[in-house]
Amino acid sequence: MSNPNHYGLLFDTKDVAELLNIFQSMLANDRSRKSKDMIDYIKIGRCLRYTEEALTSYLQNRRITAGE
């Protein structure tokens, strides 16, 4: 059986805040300011969901390697 959700895992704001050890309000502020650093999200009705791919991309863009 194929997975009808081609986005993979979806996380709500609370999940993301806990995973990144930040306040939910930081995510809300980034969204309201349309910050260039905000994590891409999907809006389903009034619900916001973040994809696993968006979280991975967000973290990779902030990765600093030795020598940089």
PDB file of N, CA and C in Angstrom:
ATOM      1  N   MET A   1       0.848  -1.183   0.000  1.00  0.00           N
ATOM      2  CA  MET A   1       0.000   0.000   0.000  1.00  0.00           C
ATOM      3  C   MET A   1       0.888   1.239   0.000  1.00  0.00           C
ATOM      4  N   SER A   2       0.609   2.168  -0.898  1.00  0.00           N
ATOM      5  CA  SER A   2       1.421   3.379  -0.966  1.00  0.00           C
ATOM      6  C   SER A   2       0.967   4.382   0.090  1.00  0.00           C
ATOM      7  N   ASN A   3       1.877   5.234   0.469  1.00  0.00           N
ATOM      8  CA  ASN A   3       1.600   6.260   1.471  1.00  0.00           C
ATOM      9  C   ASN A   3       0.935   7.453   0.789  1.00  0.00           C
ATOM     10  N   PRO A   4      -0.309   7.786   1.147  1.00  0.00           N
ATOM     11  CA  PRO A   4      -0.991   8.906   0.499  1.00  0.00           C
ATOM     12  C   PRO A   4      -0.371  10.252   0.862  1.00  0.00           C
ATOM     13  N   ASN A   5       0.406  10.301   1.944  1.00  0.00           N
ATOM     14  CA  ASN A   5       1.054  11.535   2.362  1.00  0.00           C
ATOM     15  C   ASN A   5       2.458  11.563   1.774  1.00  0.00           C
ATOM     16  N   HIS A   6       2.619  12.194   0.625  1.00  0.00           N
ATOM     17  CA  HIS A   6       3.930  12.212  -0.021  1.00  0.00           C
ATOM     18  C   HIS A   6       4.889  13.201   0.619  1.00  0.00           C
ATOM     19  N   TYR A   7       4.440  13.903   1.657  1.00  0.00           N
ATOM     20  CA  TYR A   7       5.312  14.836   2.381  1.00  0.00           C
ATOM     21  C   TYR A   7       6.120  14.137   3.462  1.00  0.00           C
ATOM     22  N   GLY A   8       5.844  12.899   3.749  1.00  0.00           N
ATOM     23  CA  GLY A   8       6.531  12.210   4.836  1.00  0.00           C
ATOM     24  C   GLY A   8       5.937  12.626   6.174  1.00  0.00           C
ATOM     25  N   LEU A   9       6.780  12.661   7.176  1.00  0.00           N
ATOM     26  CA  LEU A   9       6.301  13.045   8.506  1.00  0.00           C
ATOM     27  C   LEU A   9       5.939  14.520   8.544  1.00  0.00           C
ATOM     28  N   LEU A  10       4.856  14.830   9.241  1.00  0.00           N
ATOM     29  CA  LEU A  10       4.447  16.221   9.437  1.00  0.00           C
ATOM     30  C   LEU A  10       4.498  16.533  10.924  1.00  0.00           C
ATOM     31  N   PHE A  11       5.024  17.695  11.256  1.00  0.00           N
ATOM     32  CA  PHE A  11       5.173  18.119  12.645  1.00  0.00           C
ATOM     33  C   PHE A  11       4.395  19.402  12.876  1.00  0.00           C
ATOM     34  N   ASP A  12       3.767  19.523  14.052  1.00  0.00           N
ATOM     35  CA  ASP A  12       3.102  20.782  14.374  1.00  0.00           C
ATOM     36  C   ASP A  12       4.107  21.720  15.041  1.00  0.00           C
ATOM     37  N   THR A  13       3.663  22.937  15.334  1.00  0.00           N
ATOM     38  CA  THR A  13       4.547  23.954  15.901  1.00  0.00           C
ATOM     39  C   THR A  13       5.142  23.513  17.229  1.00  0.00           C
ATOM     40  N   LYS A  14       4.348  22.865  18.052  1.00  0.00           N
ATOM     41  CA  LYS A  14       4.841  22.393  19.345  1.00  0.00           C
ATOM     42  C   LYS A  14       5.959  21.372  19.158  1.00  0.00           C
ATOM     43  N   ASP A  15       5.760  20.431  18.242  1.00  0.00           N
ATOM     44  CA  ASP A  15       6.778  19.412  17.961  1.00  0.00           C
ATOM     45  C   ASP A  15       8.090  20.052  17.516  1.00  0.00           C
ATOM     46  N   VAL A  16       7.993  20.999  16.584  1.00  0.00           N
ATOM     47  CA  VAL A  16       9.188  21.643  16.040  1.00  0.00           C
ATOM     48  C   VAL A  16       9.915  22.429  17.125  1.00  0.00           C
ATOM     49  N   ALA A  17       9.167  23.158  17.931  1.00  0.00           N
ATOM     50  CA  ALA A  17       9.777  23.934  19.011  1.00  0.00           C
ATOM     51  C   ALA A  17      10.517  23.011  19.974  1.00  0.00           C
ATOM     52  N   GLU A  18       9.925  21.881  20.299  1.00  0.00           N
ATOM     53  CA  GLU A  18      10.574  20.927  21.199  1.00  0.00           C
ATOM     54  C   GLU A  18      11.814  20.318  20.555  1.00  0.00           C
ATOM     55  N   LEU A  19      11.722  19.955  19.278  1.00  0.00           N
ATOM     56  CA  LEU A  19      12.868  19.363  18.580  1.00  0.00           C
ATOM     57  C   LEU A  19      14.056  20.318  18.502  1.00  0.00           C
ATOM     58  N   LEU A  20      13.771  21.598  18.275  1.00  0.00           N
ATOM     59  CA  LEU A  20      14.830  22.592  18.104  1.00  0.00           C
ATOM     60  C   LEU A  20      15.189  23.308  19.404  1.00  0.00           C
ATOM     61  N   ASN A  21      14.461  22.980  20.464  1.00  0.00           N
ATOM     62  CA  ASN A  21      14.689  23.606  21.768  1.00  0.00           C
ATOM     63  C   ASN A  21      14.540  25.127  21.687  1.00  0.00           C
ATOM     64  N   ILE A  22      13.452  25.561  21.068  1.00  0.00           N
ATOM     65  CA  ILE A  22      13.128  26.986  20.962  1.00  0.00           C
ATOM     66  C   ILE A  22      11.684  27.179  21.399  1.00  0.00           C
ATOM     67  N   PHE A  23      11.295  28.438  21.577  1.00  0.00           N
ATOM     68  CA  PHE A  23       9.920  28.741  21.943  1.00  0.00           C
ATOM     69  C   PHE A  23       9.024  28.715  20.698  1.00  0.00           C
ATOM     70  N   GLN A  24       7.778  28.301  20.884  1.00  0.00           N
ATOM     71  CA  GLN A  24       6.812  28.308  19.788  1.00  0.00           C
ATOM     72  C   GLN A  24       6.635  29.722  19.239  1.00  0.00           C
ATOM     73  N   SER A  25       6.760  30.716  20.118  1.00  0.00           N
ATOM     74  CA  SER A  25       6.592  32.110  19.692  1.00  0.00           C
ATOM     75  C   SER A  25       7.673  32.533  18.697  1.00  0.00           C
ATOM     76  N   MET A  26       8.857  31.915  18.773  1.00  0.00           N
ATOM     77  CA  MET A  26       9.906  32.237  17.799  1.00  0.00           C
ATOM     78  C   MET A  26       9.473  31.810  16.396  1.00  0.00           C
ATOM     79  N   LEU A  27       8.849  30.652  16.305  1.00  0.00           N
ATOM     80  CA  LEU A  27       8.345  30.185  15.009  1.00  0.00           C
ATOM     81  C   LEU A  27       7.226  31.105  14.515  1.00  0.00           C
ATOM     82  N   ALA A  28       6.340  31.490  15.426  1.00  0.00           N
ATOM     83  CA  ALA A  28       5.229  32.382  15.059  1.00  0.00           C
ATOM     84  C   ALA A  28       5.755  33.735  14.593  1.00  0.00           C
ATOM     85  N   ASN A  29       6.750  34.263  15.288  1.00  0.00           N
ATOM     86  CA  ASN A  29       7.327  35.552  14.890  1.00  0.00           C
ATOM     87  C   ASN A  29       7.966  35.477  13.515  1.00  0.00           C
ATOM     88  N   ASP A  30       8.703  34.410  13.253  1.00  0.00           N
ATOM     89  CA  ASP A  30       9.315  34.237  11.931  1.00  0.00           C
ATOM     90  C   ASP A  30       8.256  34.179  10.838  1.00  0.00           C
ATOM     91  N   ARG A  31       7.157  33.469  11.108  1.00  0.00           N
ATOM     92  CA  ARG A  31       6.079  33.375  10.112  1.00  0.00           C
ATOM     93  C   ARG A  31       5.429  34.729   9.876  1.00  0.00           C
ATOM     94  N   SER A  32       5.142  35.467  10.943  1.00  0.00           N
ATOM     95  CA  SER A  32       4.432  36.742  10.776  1.00  0.00           C
ATOM     96  C   SER A  32       5.306  37.790  10.092  1.00  0.00           C
ATOM     97  N   ARG A  33       6.624  37.707  10.309  1.00  0.00           N
ATOM     98  CA  ARG A  33       7.549  38.654   9.669  1.00  0.00           C
ATOM     99  C   ARG A  33       8.010  38.150   8.306  1.00  0.00           C
ATOM    100  N   LYS A  34       7.598  36.939   7.972  1.00  0.00           N
ATOM    101  CA  LYS A  34       8.049  36.283   6.728  1.00  0.00           C
ATOM    102  C   LYS A  34       9.571  36.351   6.643  1.00  0.00           C
ATOM    103  N   SER A  35      10.188  35.998   7.751  1.00  0.00           N
ATOM    104  CA  SER A  35      11.639  36.017   7.883  1.00  0.00           C
ATOM    105  C   SER A  35      12.289  35.112   6.854  1.00  0.00           C
ATOM    106  N   LYS A  36      13.440  35.542   6.334  1.00  0.00           N
ATOM    107  CA  LYS A  36      14.171  34.693   5.382  1.00  0.00           C
ATOM    108  C   LYS A  36      14.679  33.433   6.056  1.00  0.00           C
ATOM    109  N   ASP A  37      14.747  33.446   7.384  1.00  0.00           N
ATOM    110  CA  ASP A  37      15.230  32.297   8.141  1.00  0.00           C
ATOM    111  C   ASP A  37      14.112  31.364   8.602  1.00  0.00           C
ATOM    112  N   MET A  38      12.875  31.669   8.229  1.00  0.00           N
ATOM    113  CA  MET A  38      11.776  30.836   8.727  1.00  0.00           C
ATOM    114  C   MET A  38      11.796  29.458   8.078  1.00  0.00           C
ATOM    115  N   ILE A  39      11.228  28.512   8.783  1.00  0.00           N
ATOM    116  CA  ILE A  39      11.113  27.151   8.271  1.00  0.00           C
ATOM    117  C   ILE A  39       9.867  27.080   7.394  1.00  0.00           C
ATOM    118  N   ASP A  40      10.004  26.530   6.202  1.00  0.00           N
ATOM    119  CA  ASP A  40       8.849  26.368   5.318  1.00  0.00           C
ATOM    120  C   ASP A  40       7.786  25.517   6.005  1.00  0.00           C
ATOM    121  N   TYR A  41       6.535  25.841   5.761  1.00  0.00           N
ATOM    122  CA  TYR A  41       5.443  25.109   6.394  1.00  0.00           C
ATOM    123  C   TYR A  41       4.277  24.965   5.434  1.00  0.00           C
ATOM    124  N   ILE A  42       3.370  24.100   5.809  1.00  0.00           N
ATOM    125  CA  ILE A  42       2.141  23.857   5.051  1.00  0.00           C
ATOM    126  C   ILE A  42       0.987  24.295   5.930  1.00  0.00           C
ATOM    127  N   LYS A  43       0.042  25.009   5.346  1.00  0.00           N
ATOM    128  CA  LYS A  43      -1.143  25.420   6.090  1.00  0.00           C
ATOM    129  C   LYS A  43      -2.316  24.591   5.600  1.00  0.00           C
ATOM    130  N   ILE A  44      -2.946  23.892   6.537  1.00  0.00           N
ATOM    131  CA  ILE A  44      -4.105  23.052   6.239  1.00  0.00           C
ATOM    132  C   ILE A  44      -5.249  23.598   7.082  1.00  0.00           C
ATOM    133  N   GLY A  45      -6.098  24.368   6.446  1.00  0.00           N
ATOM    134  CA  GLY A  45      -7.128  25.065   7.225  1.00  0.00           C
ATOM    135  C   GLY A  45      -6.450  26.055   8.158  1.00  0.00           C
ATOM    136  N   ARG A  46      -6.702  25.911   9.451  1.00  0.00           N
ATOM    137  CA  ARG A  46      -6.050  26.768  10.439  1.00  0.00           C
ATOM    138  C   ARG A  46      -4.803  26.117  11.034  1.00  0.00           C
ATOM    139  N   CYS A  47      -4.521  24.901  10.617  1.00  0.00           N
ATOM    140  CA  CYS A  47      -3.388  24.153  11.181  1.00  0.00           C
ATOM    141  C   CYS A  47      -2.122  24.373  10.357  1.00  0.00           C
ATOM    142  N   LEU A  48      -1.001  24.492  11.044  1.00  0.00           N
ATOM    143  CA  LEU A  48       0.294  24.610  10.391  1.00  0.00           C
ATOM    144  C   LEU A  48       1.059  23.324  10.605  1.00  0.00           C
ATOM    145  N   ARG A  49       1.703  22.849   9.559  1.00  0.00           N
ATOM    146  CA  ARG A  49       2.497  21.638   9.662  1.00  0.00           C
ATOM    147  C   ARG A  49       3.827  21.867   8.957  1.00  0.00           C
ATOM    148  N   TYR A  50       4.853  21.309   9.545  1.00  0.00           N
ATOM    149  CA  TYR A  50       6.209  21.385   9.000  1.00  0.00           C
ATOM    150  C   TYR A  50       6.599  19.993   8.521  1.00  0.00           C
ATOM    151  N   THR A  51       7.189  19.925   7.340  1.00  0.00           N
ATOM    152  CA  THR A  51       7.611  18.630   6.810  1.00  0.00           C
ATOM    153  C   THR A  51       8.996  18.276   7.337  1.00  0.00           C
ATOM    154  N   GLU A  52       9.263  17.000   7.335  1.00  0.00           N
ATOM    155  CA  GLU A  52      10.586  16.519   7.732  1.00  0.00           C
ATOM    156  C   GLU A  52      11.648  17.112   6.804  1.00  0.00           C
ATOM    157  N   GLU A  53      11.323  17.219   5.527  1.00  0.00           N
ATOM    158  CA  GLU A  53      12.251  17.789   4.543  1.00  0.00           C
ATOM    159  C   GLU A  53      12.556  19.255   4.857  1.00  0.00           C
ATOM    160  N   ALA A  54      11.542  20.030   5.246  1.00  0.00           N
ATOM    161  CA  ALA A  54      11.753  21.440   5.579  1.00  0.00           C
ATOM    162  C   ALA A  54      12.653  21.591   6.803  1.00  0.00           C
ATOM    163  N   LEU A  55      12.458  20.728   7.800  1.00  0.00           N
ATOM    164  CA  LEU A  55      13.299  20.782   8.997  1.00  0.00           C
ATOM    165  C   LEU A  55      14.741  20.413   8.664  1.00  0.00           C
ATOM    166  N   THR A  56      14.913  19.380   7.850  1.00  0.00           N
ATOM    167  CA  THR A  56      16.256  18.955   7.454  1.00  0.00           C
ATOM    168  C   THR A  56      16.963  20.065   6.688  1.00  0.00           C
ATOM    169  N   SER A  57      16.257  20.682   5.763  1.00  0.00           N
ATOM    170  CA  SER A  57      16.823  21.773   4.971  1.00  0.00           C
ATOM    171  C   SER A  57      17.202  22.954   5.868  1.00  0.00           C
ATOM    172  N   TYR A  58      16.332  23.305   6.790  1.00  0.00           N
ATOM    173  CA  TYR A  58      16.583  24.406   7.735  1.00  0.00           C
ATOM    174  C   TYR A  58      17.868  24.140   8.515  1.00  0.00           C
ATOM    175  N   LEU A  59      18.020  22.925   9.023  1.00  0.00           N
ATOM    176  CA  LEU A  59      19.206  22.587   9.811  1.00  0.00           C
ATOM    177  C   LEU A  59      20.469  22.537   8.946  1.00  0.00           C
ATOM    178  N   GLN A  60      20.365  22.006   7.737  1.00  0.00           N
ATOM    179  CA  GLN A  60      21.529  21.948   6.861  1.00  0.00           C
ATOM    180  C   GLN A  60      22.009  23.341   6.466  1.00  0.00           C
ATOM    181  N   ASN A  61      21.087  24.276   6.292  1.00  0.00           N
ATOM    182  CA  ASN A  61      21.447  25.644   5.935  1.00  0.00           C
ATOM    183  C   ASN A  61      22.157  26.372   7.075  1.00  0.00           C
ATOM    184  N   ARG A  62      22.035  25.857   8.277  1.00  0.00           N
ATOM    185  CA  ARG A  62      22.663  26.483   9.436  1.00  0.00           C
ATOM    186  C   ARG A  62      23.894  25.720   9.927  1.00  0.00           C
ATOM    187  N   ARG A  63      24.247  24.702   9.183  1.00  0.00           N
ATOM    188  CA  ARG A  63      25.397  23.879   9.563  1.00  0.00           C
ATOM    189  C   ARG A  63      26.699  24.643   9.317  1.00  0.00           C
ATOM    190  N   ILE A  64      27.559  24.607  10.299  1.00  0.00           N
ATOM    191  CA  ILE A  64      28.874  25.229  10.191  1.00  0.00           C
ATOM    192  C   ILE A  64      29.897  24.116  10.339  1.00  0.00           C
ATOM    193  N   THR A  65      30.764  24.007   9.351  1.00  0.00           N
ATOM    194  CA  THR A  65      31.781  22.970   9.413  1.00  0.00           C
ATOM    195  C   THR A  65      33.114  23.573   9.861  1.00  0.00           C
ATOM    196  N   ALA A  66      33.996  22.732  10.312  1.00  0.00           N
ATOM    197  CA  ALA A  66      35.308  23.188  10.768  1.00  0.00           C
ATOM    198  C   ALA A  66      36.004  23.949   9.646  1.00  0.00           C
ATOM    199  N   GLY A  67      36.639  25.042  10.013  1.00  0.00           N
ATOM    200  CA  GLY A  67      37.376  25.834   9.034  1.00  0.00           C
ATOM    201  C   GLY A  67      36.570  26.941   8.406  1.00  0.00           C
ATOM    202  N   GLU A  68      35.311  27.073   8.771  1.00  0.00           N
ATOM    203  CA  GLU A  68      34.496  28.159   8.194  1.00  0.00           C
ATOM    204  C   GLU A  68      34.444  29.342   9.117  1.00  0.00           C
TER     205      GLU A  68
END
